[in-house]
Amino acid sequence: MANSMTGFGRATALRDGREMTVELKSVNHRYLDPGFRYPRHIGFLEDGMRRILSDRLTRGHVDVFVSYRNTREDARCAVFDSALLKAYLDAAKRCEEEFGLRNDMSVNSALRLPDVVDVVEAEEDREAVEALMREAMLAAVEELISMRHVEGERLTRDLLQRLDTVLDIRGRIEERAPLVVEEYRKKLNERIEAVLAEADVDRARLATEVALFADRANIDEELVRLQSHVAAARGLLGEDAAVGRKLDFIVQEMNREFNTIGSKANDKAITALVIEGKAEIEKIREQVQNLE
């Protein structure tokens, strides 16, 4: 069954005081196009996340949102800027000597000076964080694929119904086609008889003209190809694979057959059916754009 490119997946992994949540949102795109948002200090995870997505998905724009929390005691550390503190102390000493001010600098007050102490994320255990990412990412991708599969089933049912409509229109064109030549023969005969009045009509020439028109207006090949394209599309929709690009090509070919039928038939009834068929093909094309 064909899969949609639209879906959502979310998963959280917890281990040893670390917590990671991965959210995936996908929409249709010609190729696989992931976009990532994550805290800067875990940027080393991006390559691994890309590999997981490319192993499981073929097409679609996928937004990847990653949140990470480390509650371990060693998660953060305080960085002390001794050079900056020395500059502050030197400045305080000059103020004391120049203005006679009492220097009441203490450790507590020194540590509160701007930029003297900075609390930063400690260097992560890459192996542990990558294992956590893989757990959360795989679970989120599975949920995403499941939703894309459900949406793909819905799209497939709709497309199969529309392909049935195309076949119905094709059948009505096939029924109408033989009548077009006969009507042309009658109209041509009437025009000739009206012009020549009582003169004899060259029946052989009339037959030749009708035969030439029948050859020009023959749409048997287009009808056969159209039926073949519909059968191919139905077959692809039953495959458990990425079929969106192939279906897009087939839809273009079906549209081409309808255009040729319309240009060759030279009949109002068939032209109306061609317009109806092309409208249905356009709806199919729009739906196919959402298939992986």
C-alpha atoms as a PDB file:
ATOM      1  CA  MET A   1       0.000   0.000   0.000  1.00  0.00           C
ATOM      2  CA  ALA A   2       1.379   3.418  -0.948  1.00  0.00           C
ATOM      3  CA  ASN A   3       2.360   5.774   1.877  1.00  0.00           C
ATOM      4  CA  SER A   4       1.567   9.448   2.256  1.00  0.00           C
ATOM      5  CA  MET A   5       4.315  11.998   2.872  1.00  0.00           C
ATOM      6  CA  THR A   6       2.236  13.721   5.555  1.00  0.00           C
ATOM      7  CA  GLY A   7       2.604  12.569   9.138  1.00  0.00           C
ATOM      8  CA  PHE A   8       3.705  13.214  12.717  1.00  0.00           C
ATOM      9  CA  GLY A   9       5.765  11.232  15.189  1.00  0.00           C
ATOM     10  CA  ARG A  10       6.904  11.904  18.742  1.00  0.00           C
ATOM     11  CA  ALA A  11       8.911   9.892  21.259  1.00  0.00           C
ATOM     12  CA  THR A  12      10.804  10.428  24.515  1.00  0.00           C
ATOM     13  CA  ALA A  13      13.738   8.415  25.836  1.00  0.00           C
ATOM     14  CA  LEU A  14      14.905   8.470  29.476  1.00  0.00           C
ATOM     15  CA  ARG A  15      18.131   6.994  30.790  1.00  0.00           C
ATOM     16  CA  ASP A  16      20.612   7.722  33.621  1.00  0.00           C
ATOM     17  CA  GLY A  17      19.355  11.239  34.342  1.00  0.00           C
ATOM     18  CA  ARG A  18      19.149  12.190  30.682  1.00  0.00           C
ATOM     19  CA  GLU A  19      15.917  12.885  28.790  1.00  0.00           C
ATOM     20  CA  MET A  20      15.494  13.440  25.061  1.00  0.00           C
ATOM     21  CA  THR A  21      12.301  14.110  23.103  1.00  0.00           C
ATOM     22  CA  VAL A  22      12.150  13.934  19.295  1.00  0.00           C
ATOM     23  CA  GLU A  23       9.245  15.319  17.265  1.00  0.00           C
ATOM     24  CA  LEU A  24       8.925  14.731  13.518  1.00  0.00           C
ATOM     25  CA  LYS A  25       6.554  16.537  11.170  1.00  0.00           C
ATOM     26  CA  SER A  26       6.576  15.660   7.473  1.00  0.00           C
ATOM     27  CA  VAL A  27       4.903  17.090   4.383  1.00  0.00           C
ATOM     28  CA  ASN A  28       5.255  16.418   0.671  1.00  0.00           C
ATOM     29  CA  HIS A  29       8.534  17.204  -1.079  1.00  0.00           C
ATOM     30  CA  ARG A  30      10.196  15.964  -4.242  1.00  0.00           C
ATOM     31  CA  TYR A  31      13.100  14.475  -2.303  1.00  0.00           C
ATOM     32  CA  LEU A  32      13.914  13.645   1.314  1.00  0.00           C
ATOM     33  CA  ASP A  33      14.569  17.046   2.852  1.00  0.00           C
ATOM     34  CA  PRO A  34      15.130  17.035   6.638  1.00  0.00           C
ATOM     35  CA  GLY A  35      15.436  20.195   8.715  1.00  0.00           C
ATOM     36  CA  PHE A  36      16.781  20.096  12.296  1.00  0.00           C
ATOM     37  CA  ARG A  37      16.272  22.154  15.434  1.00  0.00           C
ATOM     38  CA  TYR A  38      18.179  21.130  18.575  1.00  0.00           C
ATOM     39  CA  PRO A  39      20.281  22.627  21.405  1.00  0.00           C
ATOM     40  CA  ARG A  40      23.673  23.685  20.124  1.00  0.00           C
ATOM     41  CA  HIS A  41      25.685  21.517  22.512  1.00  0.00           C
ATOM     42  CA  ILE A  42      24.236  18.300  21.027  1.00  0.00           C
ATOM     43  CA  GLY A  43      24.857  19.264  17.411  1.00  0.00           C
ATOM     44  CA  PHE A  44      27.063  16.193  17.006  1.00  0.00           C
ATOM     45  CA  LEU A  45      23.845  14.129  16.788  1.00  0.00           C
ATOM     46  CA  GLU A  46      22.720  15.509  13.425  1.00  0.00           C
ATOM     47  CA  ASP A  47      24.613  13.088  11.194  1.00  0.00           C
ATOM     48  CA  GLY A  48      23.170  10.125  13.063  1.00  0.00           C
ATOM     49  CA  MET A  49      19.644  11.493  12.806  1.00  0.00           C
ATOM     50  CA  ARG A  50      20.077  12.032   9.069  1.00  0.00           C
ATOM     51  CA  ARG A  51      21.162   8.427   8.612  1.00  0.00           C
ATOM     52  CA  ILE A  52      18.144   7.112  10.502  1.00  0.00           C
ATOM     53  CA  LEU A  53      15.768   9.188   8.367  1.00  0.00           C
ATOM     54  CA  SER A  54      17.404   8.226   5.075  1.00  0.00           C
ATOM     55  CA  ASP A  55      17.280   4.534   6.055  1.00  0.00           C
ATOM     56  CA  ARG A  56      13.521   4.637   6.692  1.00  0.00           C
ATOM     57  CA  LEU A  57      12.121   7.381   4.452  1.00  0.00           C
ATOM     58  CA  THR A  58      12.434   8.122   0.744  1.00  0.00           C
ATOM     59  CA  ARG A  59      10.681  11.459   0.195  1.00  0.00           C
ATOM     60  CA  GLY A  60       9.186  14.354   2.097  1.00  0.00           C
ATOM     61  CA  HIS A  61      10.246  17.466   3.958  1.00  0.00           C
ATOM     62  CA  VAL A  62      10.739  16.412   7.583  1.00  0.00           C
ATOM     63  CA  ASP A  63      11.034  18.936  10.410  1.00  0.00           C
ATOM     64  CA  VAL A  64      12.982  17.402  13.306  1.00  0.00           C
ATOM     65  CA  PHE A  65      12.617  19.049  16.716  1.00  0.00           C
ATOM     66  CA  VAL A  66      14.867  17.755  19.513  1.00  0.00           C
ATOM     67  CA  SER A  67      14.716  18.772  23.165  1.00  0.00           C
ATOM     68  CA  TYR A  68      17.289  17.500  25.641  1.00  0.00           C
ATOM     69  CA  ARG A  69      17.585  17.709  29.410  1.00  0.00           C
ATOM     70  CA  ASN A  70      20.435  16.484  31.600  1.00  0.00           C
ATOM     71  CA  THR A  71      19.607  16.359  35.319  1.00  0.00           C
ATOM     72  CA  ARG A  72      22.783  14.563  36.390  1.00  0.00           C
ATOM     73  CA  GLU A  73      24.965  16.186  39.044  1.00  0.00           C
ATOM     74  CA  ASP A  74      27.802  16.535  36.555  1.00  0.00           C
ATOM     75  CA  ALA A  75      25.602  18.138  33.906  1.00  0.00           C
ATOM     76  CA  ARG A  76      26.905  21.669  34.521  1.00  0.00           C
ATOM     77  CA  CYS A  77      30.044  23.288  35.757  1.00  0.00           C
ATOM     78  CA  ALA A  78      31.124  26.778  36.804  1.00  0.00           C
ATOM     79  CA  VAL A  79      33.895  28.381  34.765  1.00  0.00           C
ATOM     80  CA  PHE A  80      35.977  30.930  36.710  1.00  0.00           C
ATOM     81  CA  ASP A  81      37.631  33.792  34.784  1.00  0.00           C
ATOM     82  CA  SER A  82      40.649  34.550  37.008  1.00  0.00           C
ATOM     83  CA  ALA A  83      42.078  37.167  34.647  1.00  0.00           C
ATOM     84  CA  LEU A  84      38.855  39.171  34.684  1.00  0.00           C
ATOM     85  CA  LEU A  85      38.594  38.930  38.500  1.00  0.00           C
ATOM     86  CA  LYS A  86      42.196  40.136  38.824  1.00  0.00           C
ATOM     87  CA  ALA A  87      41.296  43.150  36.701  1.00  0.00           C
ATOM     88  CA  TYR A  88      38.339  43.857  38.979  1.00  0.00           C
ATOM     89  CA  LEU A  89      40.546  43.551  42.092  1.00  0.00           C
ATOM     90  CA  ASP A  90      43.214  45.801  40.614  1.00  0.00           C
ATOM     91  CA  ALA A  91      40.580  48.402  39.847  1.00  0.00           C
ATOM     92  CA  ALA A  92      39.197  48.121  43.406  1.00  0.00           C
ATOM     93  CA  LYS A  93      42.708  48.579  44.856  1.00  0.00           C
ATOM     94  CA  ARG A  94      43.273  51.724  42.791  1.00  0.00           C
ATOM     95  CA  CYS A  95      39.981  53.139  43.999  1.00  0.00           C
ATOM     96  CA  GLU A  96      41.020  52.393  47.576  1.00  0.00           C
ATOM     97  CA  GLU A  97      44.379  54.119  47.192  1.00  0.00           C
ATOM     98  CA  GLU A  98      43.209  57.068  45.122  1.00  0.00           C
ATOM     99  CA  PHE A  99      39.960  57.896  46.903  1.00  0.00           C
ATOM    100  CA  GLY A 100      40.511  56.431  50.328  1.00  0.00           C
ATOM    101  CA  LEU A 101      37.615  54.045  50.004  1.00  0.00           C
ATOM    102  CA  ARG A 102      37.371  50.936  52.127  1.00  0.00           C
ATOM    103  CA  ASN A 103      37.917  47.790  50.132  1.00  0.00           C
ATOM    104  CA  ASP A 104      35.227  45.394  51.360  1.00  0.00           C
ATOM    105  CA  MET A 105      35.621  42.883  48.536  1.00  0.00           C
ATOM    106  CA  SER A 106      34.725  39.366  49.647  1.00  0.00           C
ATOM    107  CA  VAL A 107      34.590  36.049  47.845  1.00  0.00           C
ATOM    108  CA  ASN A 108      30.811  36.251  47.599  1.00  0.00           C
ATOM    109  CA  SER A 109      30.841  39.760  46.175  1.00  0.00           C
ATOM    110  CA  ALA A 110      33.711  38.855  43.804  1.00  0.00           C
ATOM    111  CA  LEU A 111      31.789  35.917  42.384  1.00  0.00           C
ATOM    112  CA  ARG A 112      28.793  38.152  41.708  1.00  0.00           C
ATOM    113  CA  LEU A 113      30.802  40.496  39.510  1.00  0.00           C
ATOM    114  CA  PRO A 114      29.678  40.468  35.833  1.00  0.00           C
ATOM    115  CA  ASP A 115      31.144  37.618  33.756  1.00  0.00           C
ATOM    116  CA  VAL A 116      33.528  36.399  36.457  1.00  0.00           C
ATOM    117  CA  VAL A 117      31.698  33.083  36.787  1.00  0.00           C
ATOM    118  CA  ASP A 118      29.799  31.426  33.967  1.00  0.00           C
ATOM    119  CA  VAL A 119      27.719  28.273  34.373  1.00  0.00           C
ATOM    120  CA  VAL A 120      28.071  26.113  31.257  1.00  0.00           C
ATOM    121  CA  GLU A 121      26.930  22.717  30.084  1.00  0.00           C
ATOM    122  CA  ALA A 122      29.518  20.111  30.877  1.00  0.00           C
ATOM    123  CA  GLU A 123      30.937  18.121  27.975  1.00  0.00           C
ATOM    124  CA  GLU A 124      28.477  15.357  27.227  1.00  0.00           C
ATOM    125  CA  ASP A 125      29.162  11.659  27.130  1.00  0.00           C
ATOM    126  CA  ARG A 126      28.688  11.379  23.375  1.00  0.00           C
ATOM    127  CA  GLU A 127      28.167   7.646  23.360  1.00  0.00           C
ATOM    128  CA  ALA A 128      25.421   7.822  25.990  1.00  0.00           C
ATOM    129  CA  VAL A 129      23.666  10.763  24.310  1.00  0.00           C
ATOM    130  CA  GLU A 130      23.841   9.133  20.874  1.00  0.00           C
ATOM    131  CA  ALA A 131      22.276   5.945  22.274  1.00  0.00           C
ATOM    132  CA  LEU A 132      19.497   8.043  23.810  1.00  0.00           C
ATOM    133  CA  MET A 133      18.948   9.867  20.508  1.00  0.00           C
ATOM    134  CA  ARG A 134      18.767   6.622  18.571  1.00  0.00           C
ATOM    135  CA  GLU A 135      16.145   5.221  20.929  1.00  0.00           C
ATOM    136  CA  ALA A 136      13.958   8.334  20.719  1.00  0.00           C
ATOM    137  CA  MET A 137      14.526   8.859  16.993  1.00  0.00           C
ATOM    138  CA  LEU A 138      13.648   5.303  15.974  1.00  0.00           C
ATOM    139  CA  ALA A 139      10.459   5.355  18.031  1.00  0.00           C
ATOM    140  CA  ALA A 140       9.424   8.738  16.581  1.00  0.00           C
ATOM    141  CA  VAL A 141      10.134   7.550  13.026  1.00  0.00           C
ATOM    142  CA  GLU A 142       8.018   4.431  13.575  1.00  0.00           C
ATOM    143  CA  GLU A 143       5.101   6.577  14.719  1.00  0.00           C
ATOM    144  CA  LEU A 144       5.614   8.896  11.751  1.00  0.00           C
ATOM    145  CA  ILE A 145       5.659   5.977   9.297  1.00  0.00           C
ATOM    146  CA  SER A 146       2.535   4.505  10.890  1.00  0.00           C
ATOM    147  CA  MET A 147       0.656   7.772  10.431  1.00  0.00           C
ATOM    148  CA  ARG A 148       1.948   8.143   6.874  1.00  0.00           C
ATOM    149  CA  HIS A 149       0.728   4.625   6.154  1.00  0.00           C
ATOM    150  CA  VAL A 150      -2.763   5.362   7.482  1.00  0.00           C
ATOM    151  CA  GLU A 151      -2.940   8.545   5.422  1.00  0.00           C
ATOM    152  CA  GLY A 152      -1.577   6.615   2.438  1.00  0.00           C
ATOM    153  CA  GLU A 153      -4.421   4.098   2.725  1.00  0.00           C
ATOM    154  CA  ARG A 154      -6.940   6.922   2.642  1.00  0.00           C
ATOM    155  CA  LEU A 155      -5.275   8.491  -0.394  1.00  0.00           C
ATOM    156  CA  THR A 156      -5.098   5.112  -2.137  1.00  0.00           C
ATOM    157  CA  ARG A 157      -8.826   4.503  -1.700  1.00  0.00           C
ATOM    158  CA  ASP A 158      -9.580   7.931  -3.114  1.00  0.00           C
ATOM    159  CA  LEU A 159      -7.203   7.454  -6.056  1.00  0.00           C
ATOM    160  CA  LEU A 160      -8.663   4.042  -6.912  1.00  0.00           C
ATOM    161  CA  GLN A 161     -12.136   5.559  -7.034  1.00  0.00           C
ATOM    162  CA  ARG A 162     -10.908   8.333  -9.291  1.00  0.00           C
ATOM    163  CA  LEU A 163      -9.161   5.835 -11.573  1.00  0.00           C
ATOM    164  CA  ASP A 164     -12.487   3.983 -11.840  1.00  0.00           C
ATOM    165  CA  THR A 165     -14.043   7.286 -12.909  1.00  0.00           C
ATOM    166  CA  VAL A 166     -11.349   7.693 -15.580  1.00  0.00           C
ATOM    167  CA  LEU A 167     -12.100   4.198 -16.868  1.00  0.00           C
ATOM    168  CA  ASP A 168     -15.810   5.013 -16.979  1.00  0.00           C
ATOM    169  CA  ILE A 169     -15.111   8.175 -19.010  1.00  0.00           C
ATOM    170  CA  ARG A 170     -12.842   6.168 -21.310  1.00  0.00           C
ATOM    171  CA  GLY A 171     -15.631   3.645 -21.845  1.00  0.00           C
ATOM    172  CA  ARG A 172     -18.110   6.357 -22.763  1.00  0.00           C
ATOM    173  CA  ILE A 173     -15.605   7.802 -25.257  1.00  0.00           C
ATOM    174  CA  GLU A 174     -15.105   4.329 -26.749  1.00  0.00           C
ATOM    175  CA  GLU A 175     -18.879   3.951 -27.219  1.00  0.00           C
ATOM    176  CA  ARG A 176     -19.135   7.372 -28.844  1.00  0.00           C
ATOM    177  CA  ALA A 177     -16.122   7.065 -31.178  1.00  0.00           C
ATOM    178  CA  PRO A 178     -17.699   4.864 -33.928  1.00  0.00           C
ATOM    179  CA  LEU A 179     -20.691   7.201 -34.174  1.00  0.00           C
ATOM    180  CA  VAL A 180     -18.428  10.161 -34.963  1.00  0.00           C
ATOM    181  CA  VAL A 181     -17.340   8.690 -38.308  1.00  0.00           C
ATOM    182  CA  GLU A 182     -20.892   7.735 -39.262  1.00  0.00           C
ATOM    183  CA  GLU A 183     -22.193  11.229 -38.435  1.00  0.00           C
ATOM    184  CA  TYR A 184     -19.351  12.748 -40.456  1.00  0.00           C
ATOM    185  CA  ARG A 185     -20.300  10.553 -43.444  1.00  0.00           C
ATOM    186  CA  LYS A 186     -23.944  11.624 -43.246  1.00  0.00           C
ATOM    187  CA  LYS A 187     -23.125  15.330 -42.912  1.00  0.00           C
ATOM    188  CA  LEU A 188     -20.607  15.183 -45.751  1.00  0.00           C
ATOM    189  CA  ASN A 189     -23.136  13.414 -47.972  1.00  0.00           C
ATOM    190  CA  GLU A 190     -25.805  15.987 -47.144  1.00  0.00           C
ATOM    191  CA  ARG A 191     -23.477  18.885 -47.969  1.00  0.00           C
ATOM    192  CA  ILE A 192     -22.443  17.340 -51.270  1.00  0.00           C
ATOM    193  CA  GLU A 193     -26.013  16.635 -52.288  1.00  0.00           C
ATOM    194  CA  ALA A 194     -27.055  20.162 -51.322  1.00  0.00           C
ATOM    195  CA  VAL A 195     -24.296  21.686 -53.442  1.00  0.00           C
ATOM    196  CA  LEU A 196     -24.709  19.431 -56.457  1.00  0.00           C
ATOM    197  CA  ALA A 197     -28.490  19.327 -56.200  1.00  0.00           C
ATOM    198  CA  GLU A 198     -29.617  16.881 -58.839  1.00  0.00           C
ATOM    199  CA  ALA A 199     -26.138  15.950 -60.038  1.00  0.00           C
ATOM    200  CA  ASP A 200     -24.895  12.514 -59.244  1.00  0.00           C
ATOM    201  CA  VAL A 201     -22.731  12.195 -56.151  1.00  0.00           C
ATOM    202  CA  ASP A 202     -19.417  10.426 -56.598  1.00  0.00           C
ATOM    203  CA  ARG A 203     -19.916   7.714 -53.996  1.00  0.00           C
ATOM    204  CA  ALA A 204     -16.369   6.448 -54.388  1.00  0.00           C
ATOM    205  CA  ARG A 205     -14.963   9.902 -53.592  1.00  0.00           C
ATOM    206  CA  LEU A 206     -17.329  10.173 -50.655  1.00  0.00           C
ATOM    207  CA  ALA A 207     -16.142   6.834 -49.329  1.00  0.00           C
ATOM    208  CA  THR A 208     -12.540   7.961 -49.697  1.00  0.00           C
ATOM    209  CA  GLU A 209     -13.160  11.191 -47.765  1.00  0.00           C
ATOM    210  CA  VAL A 210     -14.940   9.289 -45.016  1.00  0.00           C
ATOM    211  CA  ALA A 211     -12.078   6.770 -44.837  1.00  0.00           C
ATOM    212  CA  LEU A 212      -9.525   9.574 -44.568  1.00  0.00           C
ATOM    213  CA  PHE A 213     -11.519  11.225 -41.779  1.00  0.00           C
ATOM    214  CA  ALA A 214     -11.914   7.902 -39.976  1.00  0.00           C
ATOM    215  CA  ASP A 215      -8.149   7.400 -40.086  1.00  0.00           C
ATOM    216  CA  ARG A 216      -7.435  10.893 -38.772  1.00  0.00           C
ATOM    217  CA  ALA A 217     -10.073  10.596 -36.054  1.00  0.00           C
ATOM    218  CA  ASN A 218      -9.133   7.090 -34.969  1.00  0.00           C
ATOM    219  CA  ILE A 219      -8.434   7.060 -31.219  1.00  0.00           C
ATOM    220  CA  ASP A 220      -8.146   3.319 -30.656  1.00  0.00           C
ATOM    221  CA  GLU A 221      -4.461   3.500 -29.731  1.00  0.00           C
ATOM    222  CA  GLU A 222      -5.049   6.325 -27.262  1.00  0.00           C
ATOM    223  CA  LEU A 223      -7.900   4.427 -25.618  1.00  0.00           C
ATOM    224  CA  VAL A 224      -5.763   1.294 -25.310  1.00  0.00           C
ATOM    225  CA  ARG A 225      -2.858   3.239 -23.807  1.00  0.00           C
ATOM    226  CA  LEU A 226      -5.186   5.064 -21.429  1.00  0.00           C
ATOM    227  CA  GLN A 227      -6.539   1.758 -20.150  1.00  0.00           C
ATOM    228  CA  SER A 228      -2.981   0.456 -19.794  1.00  0.00           C
ATOM    229  CA  HIS A 229      -1.938   3.548 -17.814  1.00  0.00           C
ATOM    230  CA  VAL A 230      -4.866   3.113 -15.427  1.00  0.00           C
ATOM    231  CA  ALA A 231      -3.944  -0.546 -14.900  1.00  0.00           C
ATOM    232  CA  ALA A 232      -0.321   0.432 -14.209  1.00  0.00           C
ATOM    233  CA  ALA A 233      -1.409   3.085 -11.699  1.00  0.00           C
ATOM    234  CA  ARG A 234      -3.652   0.613  -9.884  1.00  0.00           C
ATOM    235  CA  GLY A 235      -0.771  -1.854  -9.718  1.00  0.00           C
ATOM    236  CA  LEU A 236       1.591   0.716  -8.226  1.00  0.00           C
ATOM    237  CA  LEU A 237      -0.955   1.706  -5.588  1.00  0.00           C
ATOM    238  CA  GLY A 238      -0.906  -1.868  -4.359  1.00  0.00           C
ATOM    239  CA  GLU A 239       2.868  -1.904  -3.845  1.00  0.00           C
ATOM    240  CA  ASP A 240       4.417  -1.375  -0.429  1.00  0.00           C
ATOM    241  CA  ALA A 241       7.079   0.985  -1.748  1.00  0.00           C
ATOM    242  CA  ALA A 242       7.753   4.596  -2.708  1.00  0.00           C
ATOM    243  CA  VAL A 243       5.678   4.984  -5.878  1.00  0.00           C
ATOM    244  CA  GLY A 244       4.871   8.699  -5.970  1.00  0.00           C
ATOM    245  CA  ARG A 245       7.314   9.620  -8.740  1.00  0.00           C
ATOM    246  CA  LYS A 246       6.233   6.747 -10.975  1.00  0.00           C
ATOM    247  CA  LEU A 247       2.580   7.612 -10.461  1.00  0.00           C
ATOM    248  CA  ASP A 248       3.279  11.237 -11.275  1.00  0.00           C
ATOM    249  CA  PHE A 249       4.747  10.179 -14.627  1.00  0.00           C
ATOM    250  CA  ILE A 250       1.775   7.896 -15.378  1.00  0.00           C
ATOM    251  CA  VAL A 251      -0.665  10.706 -14.596  1.00  0.00           C
ATOM    252  CA  GLN A 252       1.167  12.933 -17.091  1.00  0.00           C
ATOM    253  CA  GLU A 253       0.816  10.211 -19.722  1.00  0.00           C
ATOM    254  CA  MET A 254      -2.912   9.825 -19.028  1.00  0.00           C
ATOM    255  CA  ASN A 255      -3.355  13.554 -19.439  1.00  0.00           C
ATOM    256  CA  ARG A 256      -1.435  13.363 -22.729  1.00  0.00           C
ATOM    257  CA  GLU A 257      -3.777  10.637 -24.032  1.00  0.00           C
ATOM    258  CA  PHE A 258      -6.836  12.727 -23.220  1.00  0.00           C
ATOM    259  CA  ASN A 259      -5.313  15.720 -25.020  1.00  0.00           C
ATOM    260  CA  THR A 260      -4.663  13.611 -28.130  1.00  0.00           C
ATOM    261  CA  ILE A 261      -8.165  12.152 -28.043  1.00  0.00           C
ATOM    262  CA  GLY A 262      -9.653  15.632 -27.853  1.00  0.00           C
ATOM    263  CA  SER A 263      -7.601  16.926 -30.774  1.00  0.00           C
ATOM    264  CA  LYS A 264      -8.301  13.922 -33.026  1.00  0.00           C
ATOM    265  CA  ALA A 265     -11.964  13.206 -32.342  1.00  0.00           C
ATOM    266  CA  ASN A 266     -13.404  16.534 -33.567  1.00  0.00           C
ATOM    267  CA  ASP A 267     -16.666  15.826 -31.748  1.00  0.00           C
ATOM    268  CA  LYS A 268     -18.483  17.930 -29.152  1.00  0.00           C
ATOM    269  CA  ALA A 269     -19.615  14.963 -27.082  1.00  0.00           C
ATOM    270  CA  ILE A 270     -16.113  13.480 -26.931  1.00  0.00           C
ATOM    271  CA  THR A 271     -14.624  16.910 -26.224  1.00  0.00           C
ATOM    272  CA  ALA A 272     -16.955  17.237 -23.235  1.00  0.00           C
ATOM    273  CA  LEU A 273     -15.867  13.813 -22.000  1.00  0.00           C
ATOM    274  CA  VAL A 274     -12.206  14.751 -22.499  1.00  0.00           C
ATOM    275  CA  ILE A 275     -12.703  17.862 -20.362  1.00  0.00           C
ATOM    276  CA  GLU A 276     -14.361  15.728 -17.693  1.00  0.00           C
ATOM    277  CA  GLY A 277     -11.494  13.248 -17.853  1.00  0.00           C
ATOM    278  CA  LYS A 278      -8.803  15.933 -17.631  1.00  0.00           C
ATOM    279  CA  ALA A 279     -10.532  17.430 -14.593  1.00  0.00           C
ATOM    280  CA  GLU A 280     -10.406  14.030 -12.904  1.00  0.00           C
ATOM    281  CA  ILE A 281      -6.764  13.580 -13.909  1.00  0.00           C
ATOM    282  CA  GLU A 282      -5.933  16.927 -12.291  1.00  0.00           C
ATOM    283  CA  LYS A 283      -7.526  15.768  -9.025  1.00  0.00           C
ATOM    284  CA  ILE A 284      -5.497  12.564  -9.231  1.00  0.00           C
ATOM    285  CA  ARG A 285      -2.324  14.554  -9.876  1.00  0.00           C
ATOM    286  CA  GLU A 286      -2.921  16.685  -6.780  1.00  0.00           C
ATOM    287  CA  GLN A 287      -3.370  13.583  -4.630  1.00  0.00           C
ATOM    288  CA  VAL A 288      -0.346  11.841  -6.093  1.00  0.00           C
ATOM    289  CA  GLN A 289       1.843  14.782  -5.008  1.00  0.00           C
ATOM    290  CA  ASN A 290       1.236  13.665  -1.419  1.00  0.00           C
ATOM    291  CA  LEU A 291       2.414  10.077  -1.943  1.00  0.00           C
ATOM    292  CA  GLU A 292       5.897   8.977  -1.026  1.00  0.00           C
END
